[in-house]
């Protein structure tokens, strides 16, 4: 009795916390601005700048897409989410909630920390302006923010509708004569899409000094098998001007080339004292706009129980009891009328058609006990079907058949493990981002449900069998949406939080 009351208290507290922390508006302190981005050849793209807490942020993923680089984060690192951006021959490494960036091996401070905003990774825009030498101008007539990646020391612009040489001279704070001279123009006629050099700029390269640790050859390319250009001896000073994988690009009096990163000690002016982020340990905000609770009424039928009625309406049994001021010991009888909460969860799909749902206020009702979902592994595209059979603080789920069990096991590498993997669950026409643990537990296949058995799966030992479907799987496995809690301690599982975010398209 006491343990059950404690459980109710824990669940109720979780719901209250979820409702308090989950904001109906995710953009109250966020302003977005679409900017024009021109690469070194003047090719035009569009990029979004996020203004939050007086700091402008840019998505490194979007930047890498425009500039032909790469961006990736560690999908297991829920403490720091260490992320790496590579553009040309430059490498920037960021950590979640840290305002320190490592640029080509050297630590620098940023204007603000790397953040996740609406399930996207953002970094202060000024970081890219500084270390990737981006330049910004405002279009004289439209006022549009324009960002440029220079070609050498020159800004290349693609002519827009309504432009003239005078407008461009005002935009780029130069003269008509200079623009005409750069481009060998003999008249003032421009056409939309025309590529023009509009300004010469000075690049301010970050100064990174290194010392050679040991005698080493300088290579023509970032490869140990590349041609030797010259050698450097221990103690010599070099300027680091780039980084590619395990090689620094260095500049010396003898020339420019590549050396192993292990051969160079970078002079650091600051130290990285980053502390683990609390982001994935906390309740994460989701969109609840349009969600609401209404009530219907149900006349108890012969044979009904509180549990069976709750399952019929897709709500937890404790919620049905709370709505009717009864408890697990209360007697219900045929003909009695019960008030039943009905949760309407609005569609909250992102651009990929995937929903990020809070468990207690949304996911619990979209994927209720008894419902069947199609589980799609986002890494392999393989899928299986499974049914939610129980679970309160997250979903306890069982595959529908031996074939589904085999497919699930293949997805997890041929053996069961507690590894978390990102999945999309298709249920009732919706696509939900979830994190799945690949370890069946708490049951023995083929034994009657709730019968006490020894050696339950997952190391659970003796106790009631929590396996309800004969499917070649002993017990059930865990499925988490955002803000689900662990059974063992009622706490957020940070790896599940990260993995569910990945399923929803974190990048």
Protein backbone atom coordinates (compact mmCIF):
# COMPACT_ATOMS: atom_id res chain seq x y z
CA UNK A 1 0.00 0.00 0.00
CA UNK A 2 2.74 2.48 0.97
CA UNK A 3 4.81 1.64 -2.10
CA UNK A 4 1.79 2.21 -4.33
CA UNK A 5 1.10 5.56 -2.71
CA UNK A 6 4.72 6.54 -3.21
CA UNK A 7 4.41 5.56 -6.86
CA UNK A 8 1.31 7.74 -7.28
CA UNK A 9 3.09 10.64 -5.64
CA UNK A 10 6.08 10.20 -7.95
CA UNK A 11 3.91 10.07 -11.08
CA UNK A 12 1.82 13.06 -10.01
CA UNK A 13 4.98 15.05 -9.25
CA UNK A 14 6.40 14.13 -12.66
CA UNK A 15 3.24 15.32 -14.40
CA UNK A 16 3.24 18.61 -12.48
CA UNK A 17 6.91 19.20 -13.27
CA UNK A 18 6.29 18.40 -16.90
CA UNK A 19 3.38 20.81 -17.15
CA UNK A 20 5.31 23.53 -15.35
CA UNK A 21 8.49 23.24 -17.36
CA UNK A 22 7.03 22.45 -20.78
CA UNK A 23 6.31 25.82 -22.30
CA UNK A 24 3.43 26.40 -24.70
CA UNK A 25 5.66 28.82 -26.54
CA UNK A 26 9.22 27.89 -27.42
CA UNK A 27 10.16 31.21 -28.99
CA UNK A 28 9.35 33.82 -26.36
CA UNK A 29 12.93 35.11 -26.18
CA UNK A 30 14.00 34.09 -29.69
CA UNK A 31 13.95 36.22 -32.81
CA UNK A 32 14.76 34.84 -36.24
CA UNK A 33 16.23 36.69 -39.18
CA UNK A 34 16.80 35.31 -42.66
CA UNK A 35 20.11 36.43 -44.13
CA UNK A 36 21.57 36.16 -47.62
CA UNK A 37 24.77 34.14 -47.70
CA UNK A 38 27.24 34.39 -50.59
CA UNK A 39 30.05 31.84 -50.88
CA UNK A 40 33.46 32.64 -52.33
CA UNK A 41 32.10 32.33 -55.87
CA UNK A 42 29.12 34.56 -55.21
CA UNK A 43 26.60 31.71 -55.09
CA UNK A 44 23.57 32.82 -53.09
CA UNK A 45 22.00 30.75 -50.29
CA UNK A 46 19.76 31.64 -47.36
CA UNK A 47 20.62 31.09 -43.73
CA UNK A 48 18.75 31.78 -40.49
CA UNK A 49 20.26 33.87 -37.72
CA UNK A 50 18.78 33.33 -34.26
CA UNK A 51 18.92 36.24 -31.82
CA UNK A 52 18.68 35.02 -28.24
CA UNK A 53 19.59 36.90 -25.08
CA UNK A 54 21.20 39.67 -27.14
CA UNK A 55 23.52 37.22 -28.91
CA UNK A 56 23.25 36.27 -32.59
CA UNK A 57 23.55 32.53 -33.29
CA UNK A 58 24.15 30.54 -36.44
CA UNK A 59 23.71 26.82 -37.18
CA UNK A 60 27.07 25.17 -37.93
CA UNK A 61 25.20 22.43 -39.80
CA UNK A 62 23.64 24.99 -42.13
CA UNK A 63 26.98 26.75 -42.54
CA UNK A 64 28.71 23.48 -43.47
CA UNK A 65 25.98 22.75 -46.02
CA UNK A 66 26.45 26.11 -47.72
CA UNK A 67 30.25 26.05 -47.70
CA UNK A 68 30.72 22.40 -48.58
CA UNK A 69 32.19 21.43 -45.21
CA UNK A 70 31.05 18.94 -42.60
CA UNK A 71 29.50 19.08 -39.16
CA UNK A 72 28.99 16.21 -36.74
CA UNK A 73 28.47 15.65 -33.02
CA UNK A 74 29.14 12.71 -30.71
CA UNK A 75 25.75 10.92 -30.40
CA UNK A 76 26.77 9.31 -27.10
CA UNK A 77 28.12 12.42 -25.38
CA UNK A 78 25.17 13.73 -23.37
CA UNK A 79 27.53 15.62 -21.03
CA UNK A 80 29.23 17.81 -23.64
CA UNK A 81 27.78 16.86 -27.05
CA UNK A 82 31.23 17.55 -28.48
CA UNK A 83 30.72 18.84 -32.02
CA UNK A 84 33.14 19.36 -34.87
CA UNK A 85 32.85 21.75 -37.81
CA UNK A 86 35.28 21.47 -40.72
CA UNK A 87 35.36 24.22 -43.34
CA UNK A 88 38.12 24.27 -45.94
CA UNK A 89 41.23 23.44 -43.89
CA UNK A 90 39.90 24.75 -40.60
CA UNK A 91 38.54 22.74 -37.68
CA UNK A 92 36.34 24.14 -34.91
CA UNK A 93 35.33 22.01 -31.91
CA UNK A 94 32.50 23.06 -29.60
CA UNK A 95 30.94 21.74 -26.39
CA UNK A 96 27.36 22.12 -25.21
CA UNK A 97 26.84 25.10 -22.87
CA UNK A 98 30.53 26.01 -23.14
CA UNK A 99 31.75 29.38 -24.44
CA UNK A 100 35.14 27.93 -25.39
CA UNK A 101 35.94 26.86 -28.95
CA UNK A 102 39.01 24.96 -30.09
CA UNK A 103 40.07 26.41 -33.42
CA UNK A 104 42.83 24.50 -35.21
CA UNK A 105 44.12 23.17 -31.90
CA UNK A 106 43.96 26.39 -29.86
CA UNK A 107 41.35 27.42 -27.29
CA UNK A 108 39.50 30.72 -27.69
CA UNK A 109 36.56 32.31 -25.90
CA UNK A 110 33.26 32.85 -27.73
CA UNK A 111 30.63 35.53 -27.23
CA UNK A 112 28.25 32.91 -25.83
CA UNK A 113 27.95 29.15 -25.40
CA UNK A 114 27.04 26.52 -27.94
CA UNK A 115 23.31 25.91 -27.42
CA UNK A 116 20.46 23.74 -28.58
CA UNK A 117 17.58 25.93 -29.73
CA UNK A 118 14.42 24.21 -30.97
CA UNK A 119 16.36 20.97 -31.43
CA UNK A 120 19.09 22.59 -33.53
CA UNK A 121 22.69 23.20 -32.51
CA UNK A 122 23.67 26.87 -32.61
CA UNK A 123 26.96 28.68 -32.07
CA UNK A 124 27.52 32.44 -31.71
CA UNK A 125 27.63 33.98 -35.17
CA UNK A 126 30.61 36.14 -34.19
CA UNK A 127 32.71 32.97 -33.81
CA UNK A 128 32.34 32.20 -37.51
CA UNK A 129 32.93 35.82 -38.49
CA UNK A 130 36.18 35.79 -36.53
CA UNK A 131 37.70 32.40 -37.33
CA UNK A 132 36.29 31.75 -40.80
CA UNK A 133 36.68 35.40 -41.89
CA UNK A 134 33.06 36.02 -42.79
CA UNK A 135 32.12 39.57 -43.74
CA UNK A 136 28.76 41.26 -43.35
CA UNK A 137 27.01 44.11 -45.13
CA UNK A 138 23.44 45.46 -45.15
CA UNK A 139 21.84 45.92 -48.55
CA UNK A 140 21.35 49.64 -49.06
CA UNK A 141 17.72 49.51 -50.24
CA UNK A 142 16.27 46.29 -48.79
CA UNK A 143 18.15 46.39 -45.47
CA UNK A 144 18.77 42.64 -45.78
CA UNK A 145 21.69 41.24 -43.82
CA UNK A 146 24.24 39.77 -46.25
CA UNK A 147 27.08 37.46 -45.21
CA UNK A 148 30.09 36.74 -47.41
CA UNK A 149 32.83 34.14 -47.48
CA UNK A 150 35.56 36.03 -49.39
CA UNK A 151 37.45 34.64 -52.37
CA UNK A 152 40.98 35.34 -51.28
CA UNK A 153 40.80 39.04 -50.37
CA UNK A 154 37.75 39.82 -52.49
CA UNK A 155 34.01 39.91 -51.87
CA UNK A 156 32.02 38.36 -54.74
CA UNK A 157 28.37 39.38 -55.05
CA UNK A 158 25.50 38.02 -57.16
CA UNK A 159 23.41 40.88 -58.55
CA UNK A 160 19.81 40.99 -57.28
CA UNK A 161 16.71 42.45 -58.88
CA UNK A 162 16.68 46.26 -58.54
CA UNK A 163 20.44 46.60 -58.06
CA UNK A 164 22.49 49.31 -59.71
CA UNK A 165 26.15 50.23 -59.49
CA UNK A 166 25.23 53.17 -57.26
CA UNK A 167 23.24 50.93 -54.87
CA UNK A 168 26.16 48.50 -54.73
CA UNK A 169 28.63 51.30 -54.06
CA UNK A 170 26.49 52.44 -51.12
CA UNK A 171 25.97 48.87 -49.87
CA UNK A 172 29.66 47.96 -49.85
CA UNK A 173 30.95 51.43 -48.94
CA UNK A 174 33.05 51.74 -52.06
CA UNK A 175 32.90 53.64 -55.36
CA UNK A 176 31.26 52.90 -58.69
CA UNK A 177 34.64 53.31 -60.35
CA UNK A 178 36.23 50.66 -58.08
CA UNK A 179 33.52 48.11 -58.87
CA UNK A 180 33.82 48.78 -62.61
CA UNK A 181 37.60 48.47 -62.41
CA UNK A 182 37.46 45.16 -60.49
CA UNK A 183 35.19 43.67 -63.15
CA UNK A 184 36.42 45.42 -66.33
CA UNK A 185 32.96 46.91 -66.89
CA UNK A 186 32.67 49.33 -69.81
CA UNK A 187 29.12 50.49 -69.01
CA UNK A 188 26.70 50.68 -66.09
CA UNK A 189 24.38 47.85 -67.17
CA UNK A 190 23.86 44.99 -64.71
CA UNK A 191 21.81 41.81 -64.98
CA UNK A 192 20.29 39.60 -62.27
CA UNK A 193 22.65 36.78 -61.27
CA UNK A 194 25.75 38.56 -62.57
CA UNK A 195 28.81 37.81 -60.41
CA UNK A 196 30.77 40.90 -59.44
CA UNK A 197 33.82 41.56 -57.32
CA UNK A 198 32.57 44.44 -55.20
CA UNK A 199 35.23 45.01 -52.55
CA UNK A 200 38.73 44.12 -51.44
CA UNK A 201 39.02 43.19 -47.76
CA UNK A 202 41.77 42.43 -45.31
CA UNK A 203 41.70 39.01 -43.65
CA UNK A 204 42.42 38.92 -39.93
CA UNK A 205 43.74 35.42 -39.36
CA UNK A 206 43.82 34.04 -35.83
CA UNK A 207 47.37 33.79 -34.55
CA UNK A 208 48.19 30.23 -33.49
CA UNK A 209 51.76 29.54 -32.49
CA UNK A 210 53.22 26.09 -32.04
CA UNK A 211 56.54 24.57 -31.05
CA UNK A 212 58.00 21.49 -32.69
CA UNK A 213 58.18 18.71 -30.08
CA UNK A 214 60.67 16.57 -31.99
CA UNK A 215 62.59 16.44 -35.25
CA UNK A 216 60.03 15.95 -38.04
CA UNK A 217 59.52 16.13 -41.77
CA UNK A 218 57.09 18.65 -43.24
CA UNK A 219 54.86 16.98 -45.83
CA UNK A 220 53.38 18.29 -49.08
CA UNK A 221 49.94 16.94 -48.13
CA UNK A 222 48.21 15.80 -44.90
CA UNK A 223 49.39 12.21 -45.21
CA UNK A 224 52.33 10.29 -43.76
CA UNK A 225 53.04 8.87 -47.22
CA UNK A 226 53.14 12.30 -48.84
CA UNK A 227 56.31 13.85 -50.24
CA UNK A 228 58.79 15.33 -47.75
CA UNK A 229 59.32 19.05 -48.34
CA UNK A 230 61.81 19.91 -45.60
CA UNK A 231 62.43 19.09 -41.95
CA UNK A 232 62.15 20.95 -38.66
CA UNK A 233 64.07 20.35 -35.49
CA UNK A 234 62.86 20.24 -31.90
CA UNK A 235 62.05 23.64 -30.40
CA UNK A 236 61.44 25.50 -33.64
CA UNK A 237 58.45 27.89 -33.69
CA UNK A 238 55.78 27.56 -36.38
CA UNK A 239 52.51 29.27 -37.25
CA UNK A 240 49.50 26.94 -37.48
CA UNK A 241 47.31 28.05 -40.38
CA UNK A 242 44.98 25.05 -40.71
CA UNK A 243 44.12 21.54 -39.57
CA UNK A 244 43.09 18.40 -41.42
CA UNK A 245 42.33 15.30 -39.35
CA UNK A 246 45.66 14.43 -37.67
CA UNK A 247 47.79 17.03 -39.42
CA UNK A 248 48.40 20.72 -38.85
CA UNK A 249 49.05 22.97 -41.78
CA UNK A 250 51.97 25.14 -40.75
CA UNK A 251 53.80 28.16 -42.08
CA UNK A 252 57.53 28.66 -41.46
CA UNK A 253 60.43 30.58 -42.92
CA UNK A 254 61.24 27.45 -44.92
CA UNK A 255 57.77 27.29 -46.44
CA UNK A 256 54.31 25.83 -45.84
CA UNK A 257 53.33 22.20 -45.37
CA UNK A 258 51.79 19.61 -43.06
CA UNK A 259 53.06 17.93 -39.90
CA UNK A 260 51.48 15.42 -37.53
CA UNK A 261 49.53 17.05 -34.70
CA UNK A 262 51.60 14.94 -32.29
CA UNK A 263 54.74 16.77 -33.43
CA UNK A 264 53.45 20.24 -32.46
CA UNK A 265 52.74 21.76 -29.04
CA UNK A 266 50.19 24.57 -29.37
CA UNK A 267 50.71 27.62 -27.20
CA UNK A 268 47.50 28.03 -25.18
CA UNK A 269 46.48 31.36 -23.70
CA UNK A 270 43.45 29.97 -21.85
CA UNK A 271 42.44 26.56 -20.53
CA UNK A 272 39.21 24.73 -21.22
CA UNK A 273 37.43 24.35 -17.88
CA UNK A 274 34.11 23.25 -19.39
CA UNK A 275 31.77 21.50 -16.98
CA UNK A 276 29.22 18.86 -18.02
CA UNK A 277 26.03 20.40 -19.34
CA UNK A 278 22.77 19.80 -17.49
CA UNK A 279 20.76 20.09 -20.70
CA UNK A 280 19.97 16.41 -21.25
CA UNK A 281 19.51 15.79 -17.52
CA UNK A 282 16.57 18.20 -17.43
CA UNK A 283 13.01 18.29 -18.68
CA UNK A 284 13.23 19.59 -22.25
CA UNK A 285 10.63 22.07 -23.49
CA UNK A 286 8.23 20.93 -26.21
CA UNK A 287 5.38 22.57 -28.08
CA UNK A 288 2.07 22.07 -26.26
CA UNK A 289 0.06 24.69 -28.14
CA UNK A 290 -3.30 23.33 -29.17
CA UNK A 291 -3.27 20.52 -26.58
CA UNK A 292 -6.23 20.33 -24.22
CA UNK A 293 -8.12 18.04 -21.85
CA UNK A 294 -11.88 17.51 -22.00
CA UNK A 295 -14.11 15.00 -20.21
CA UNK A 296 -16.56 12.32 -21.16
CA UNK A 297 -18.61 9.94 -19.05
CA UNK A 298 -18.65 6.15 -19.00
CA UNK A 299 -21.21 3.77 -17.51
CA UNK A 300 -19.44 0.84 -15.84
CA UNK A 301 -20.20 -2.56 -17.39
CA UNK A 302 -20.19 -5.94 -15.66
CA UNK A 303 -16.61 -7.22 -15.40
CA UNK A 304 -15.03 -3.79 -15.74
CA UNK A 305 -12.08 -2.81 -13.57
CA UNK A 306 -10.40 0.53 -13.07
CA UNK A 307 -7.47 -0.80 -15.10
CA UNK A 308 -9.60 -2.08 -18.01
CA UNK A 309 -11.57 1.17 -18.25
CA UNK A 310 -8.36 3.22 -18.21
CA UNK A 311 -6.86 1.07 -20.99
CA UNK A 312 -10.09 1.38 -23.01
CA UNK A 313 -9.76 5.18 -22.97
CA UNK A 314 -5.97 5.27 -23.33
CA UNK A 315 -5.23 6.96 -20.01
CA UNK A 316 -3.30 5.87 -16.89
CA UNK A 317 -5.43 4.21 -14.20
CA UNK A 318 -4.25 6.73 -11.57
CA UNK A 319 -5.66 9.57 -13.70
CA UNK A 320 -9.05 7.87 -13.89
CA UNK A 321 -9.00 7.43 -10.12
CA UNK A 322 -8.03 11.06 -9.51
CA UNK A 323 -10.83 12.30 -11.77
CA UNK A 324 -13.37 10.33 -9.71
CA UNK A 325 -11.82 10.76 -6.24
CA UNK A 326 -11.35 7.01 -5.79
CA UNK A 327 -8.36 4.78 -5.14
CA UNK A 328 -7.18 1.26 -5.96
CA UNK A 329 -9.26 -0.15 -3.10
CA UNK A 330 -12.47 1.53 -4.20
CA UNK A 331 -15.38 -0.63 -5.36
CA UNK A 332 -16.93 0.13 -8.74
CA UNK A 333 -20.19 -1.47 -9.86
CA UNK A 334 -22.16 -2.02 -13.04
CA UNK A 335 -24.22 1.04 -13.90
CA UNK A 336 -21.94 3.46 -12.05
CA UNK A 337 -21.00 6.56 -14.07
CA UNK A 338 -17.34 7.58 -14.15
CA UNK A 339 -15.84 10.84 -15.35
CA UNK A 340 -13.11 10.12 -17.90
CA UNK A 341 -10.39 12.63 -18.97
CA UNK A 342 -9.88 12.82 -22.74
CA UNK A 343 -6.53 14.21 -23.87
CA UNK A 344 -6.35 15.86 -27.28
CA UNK A 345 -2.72 16.23 -28.35
CA UNK A 346 -2.36 18.53 -31.34
CA UNK A 347 -0.02 17.59 -34.18
CA UNK A 348 3.42 19.09 -33.54
CA UNK A 349 5.40 17.85 -36.55
CA UNK A 350 8.72 19.42 -37.51
CA UNK A 351 9.92 19.91 -41.10
CA UNK A 352 10.62 16.17 -41.32
CA UNK A 353 7.11 15.25 -40.24
CA UNK A 354 8.37 14.00 -36.87
CA UNK A 355 6.97 14.98 -33.48
CA UNK A 356 8.96 15.64 -30.30
CA UNK A 357 6.55 14.87 -27.49
CA UNK A 358 6.71 15.19 -23.74
CA UNK A 359 5.92 11.80 -22.19
CA UNK A 360 3.56 12.70 -19.37
CA UNK A 361 1.47 15.32 -21.15
CA UNK A 362 1.60 13.98 -24.71
CA UNK A 363 3.38 10.72 -25.56
CA UNK A 364 1.53 8.75 -22.88
CA UNK A 365 -1.74 9.51 -24.71
CA UNK A 366 -0.55 9.30 -28.32
CA UNK A 367 0.97 5.84 -27.66
CA UNK A 368 -1.30 4.44 -24.92
CA UNK A 369 -1.26 0.94 -23.45
CA UNK A 370 -2.64 -1.53 -25.98
CA UNK A 371 -1.61 0.44 -29.07
CA UNK A 372 0.63 -0.99 -31.80
CA UNK A 373 3.35 0.99 -33.54
CA UNK A 374 5.72 0.55 -36.44
CA UNK A 375 9.25 1.09 -35.11
CA UNK A 376 11.63 2.44 -37.77
CA UNK A 377 15.35 2.51 -37.01
CA UNK A 378 16.60 5.80 -38.43
CA UNK A 379 20.14 4.50 -38.99
CA UNK A 380 19.29 1.40 -41.05
CA UNK A 381 15.71 2.00 -42.18
CA UNK A 382 14.73 -1.45 -40.88
CA UNK A 383 11.46 -1.72 -39.00
CA UNK A 384 9.38 -4.01 -36.82
CA UNK A 385 5.98 -3.90 -35.15
CA UNK A 386 5.48 -3.80 -31.39
CA UNK A 387 2.76 -3.20 -28.81
CA UNK A 388 2.81 -1.12 -25.67
CA UNK A 389 1.74 -3.55 -22.96
CA UNK A 390 2.43 -1.53 -19.81
CA UNK A 391 4.62 1.19 -18.34
CA UNK A 392 3.86 4.44 -16.51
CA UNK A 393 6.93 6.68 -16.56
CA UNK A 394 7.88 5.39 -20.03
CA UNK A 395 6.45 2.78 -22.40
CA UNK A 396 7.09 -0.94 -21.81
CA UNK A 397 6.79 -2.56 -25.22
CA UNK A 398 6.83 -6.06 -26.76
CA UNK A 399 7.36 -7.13 -30.36
CA UNK A 400 4.29 -8.66 -32.01
CA UNK A 401 5.87 -11.79 -33.48
CA UNK A 402 8.97 -13.97 -33.71
CA UNK A 403 9.81 -12.24 -37.00
CA UNK A 404 9.59 -8.80 -35.37
CA UNK A 405 11.84 -9.98 -32.54
CA UNK A 406 14.41 -11.23 -35.05
CA UNK A 407 14.41 -7.92 -36.94
CA UNK A 408 14.77 -5.92 -33.72
CA UNK A 409 17.69 -8.08 -32.62
CA UNK A 410 19.39 -7.58 -36.00
CA UNK A 411 19.00 -3.81 -35.65
CA UNK A 412 20.80 -3.96 -32.30
CA UNK A 413 23.73 -5.83 -33.82
CA UNK A 414 22.61 -9.43 -33.26
CA UNK A 415 22.55 -9.39 -29.46
CA UNK A 416 20.48 -7.65 -26.80
CA UNK A 417 21.99 -4.68 -25.00
CA UNK A 418 20.96 -1.57 -23.08
CA UNK A 419 22.20 0.55 -25.99
CA UNK A 420 19.86 3.43 -26.81
CA UNK A 421 18.99 3.84 -30.49
CA UNK A 422 16.91 6.54 -32.21
CA UNK A 423 13.65 5.33 -33.76
CA UNK A 424 10.55 6.80 -35.35
CA UNK A 425 7.31 5.21 -34.15
CA UNK A 426 4.42 5.40 -36.57
CA UNK A 427 1.18 5.15 -34.61
CA UNK A 428 -2.32 6.28 -35.57
CA UNK A 429 -1.01 8.31 -38.51
CA UNK A 430 1.63 10.12 -36.45
CA UNK A 431 5.42 9.87 -36.47
CA UNK A 432 6.92 10.13 -33.00
CA UNK A 433 10.62 10.51 -32.12
CA UNK A 434 11.65 7.94 -29.51
CA UNK A 435 14.69 6.34 -27.92
CA UNK A 436 14.66 2.53 -27.63
CA UNK A 437 16.72 0.35 -25.30
CA UNK A 438 17.56 -3.00 -26.84
CA UNK A 439 17.39 -5.14 -23.71
CA UNK A 440 14.28 -7.24 -22.99
CA UNK A 441 13.79 -7.56 -19.25
CA UNK A 442 11.52 -8.59 -16.39
CA UNK A 443 9.97 -11.63 -18.05
CA UNK A 444 10.09 -15.17 -19.39
CA UNK A 445 8.45 -15.86 -22.75
CA UNK A 446 5.59 -18.36 -22.78
CA UNK A 447 4.86 -18.22 -19.04
CA UNK A 448 1.48 -16.80 -17.96
CA UNK A 449 1.52 -13.06 -17.31
CA UNK A 450 2.09 -12.03 -13.69
CA UNK A 451 2.96 -15.59 -12.56
CA UNK A 452 6.01 -15.60 -10.30
CA UNK A 453 9.04 -17.03 -12.09
CA UNK A 454 12.77 -17.30 -11.48
CA UNK A 455 15.51 -15.91 -13.70
CA UNK A 456 13.52 -13.16 -15.33
CA UNK A 457 15.38 -11.54 -18.25
CA UNK A 458 17.73 -8.60 -17.83
CA UNK A 459 18.96 -9.85 -14.44
CA UNK A 460 15.62 -9.25 -12.72
CA UNK A 461 15.66 -12.55 -10.84
CA UNK A 462 12.56 -13.95 -9.13
CA UNK A 463 9.25 -12.11 -9.41
CA UNK A 464 6.06 -11.63 -11.46
CA UNK A 465 6.37 -12.38 -15.16
CA UNK A 466 5.91 -9.14 -17.13
CA UNK A 467 5.84 -10.86 -20.53
CA UNK A 468 2.42 -10.89 -22.24
CA UNK A 469 3.16 -11.88 -25.88
CA UNK A 470 4.73 -15.14 -27.07
CA UNK A 471 7.25 -13.74 -29.53
CA UNK A 472 10.67 -15.27 -28.79
CA UNK A 473 11.55 -12.37 -26.50
CA UNK A 474 11.75 -12.69 -22.73
CA UNK A 475 10.02 -9.70 -21.18
CA UNK A 476 9.58 -6.21 -22.65
CA UNK A 477 11.86 -3.37 -23.74
CA UNK A 478 11.84 0.35 -22.91
CA UNK A 479 10.68 3.16 -25.19
CA UNK A 480 11.22 6.80 -24.20
CA UNK A 481 9.91 10.04 -25.61
CA UNK A 482 11.30 13.29 -24.23
CA UNK A 483 11.05 13.65 -20.46
CA UNK A 484 10.25 10.01 -19.74
CA UNK A 485 11.63 8.77 -16.43
CA UNK A 486 13.47 5.63 -15.37
CA UNK A 487 11.54 3.09 -13.30
CA UNK A 488 14.47 2.39 -10.99
CA UNK A 489 14.89 5.90 -9.59
CA UNK A 490 12.29 8.16 -11.22
CA UNK A 491 15.02 10.26 -12.85
CA UNK A 492 15.60 11.62 -16.34
CA UNK A 493 17.85 9.37 -18.43
CA UNK A 494 20.19 11.79 -20.28
CA UNK A 495 21.18 9.32 -22.99
CA UNK A 496 17.51 8.67 -23.79
CA UNK A 497 16.93 12.46 -23.92
CA UNK A 498 19.79 12.87 -26.41
CA UNK A 499 18.75 9.85 -28.46
CA UNK A 500 15.13 10.96 -28.72
CA UNK A 501 16.37 14.39 -29.82
CA UNK A 502 18.47 12.71 -32.52
CA UNK A 503 15.39 10.77 -33.67
CA UNK A 504 13.62 14.13 -34.06
CA UNK A 505 16.42 15.45 -36.26
CA UNK A 506 18.94 17.11 -33.94
CA UNK A 507 21.72 18.55 -36.06
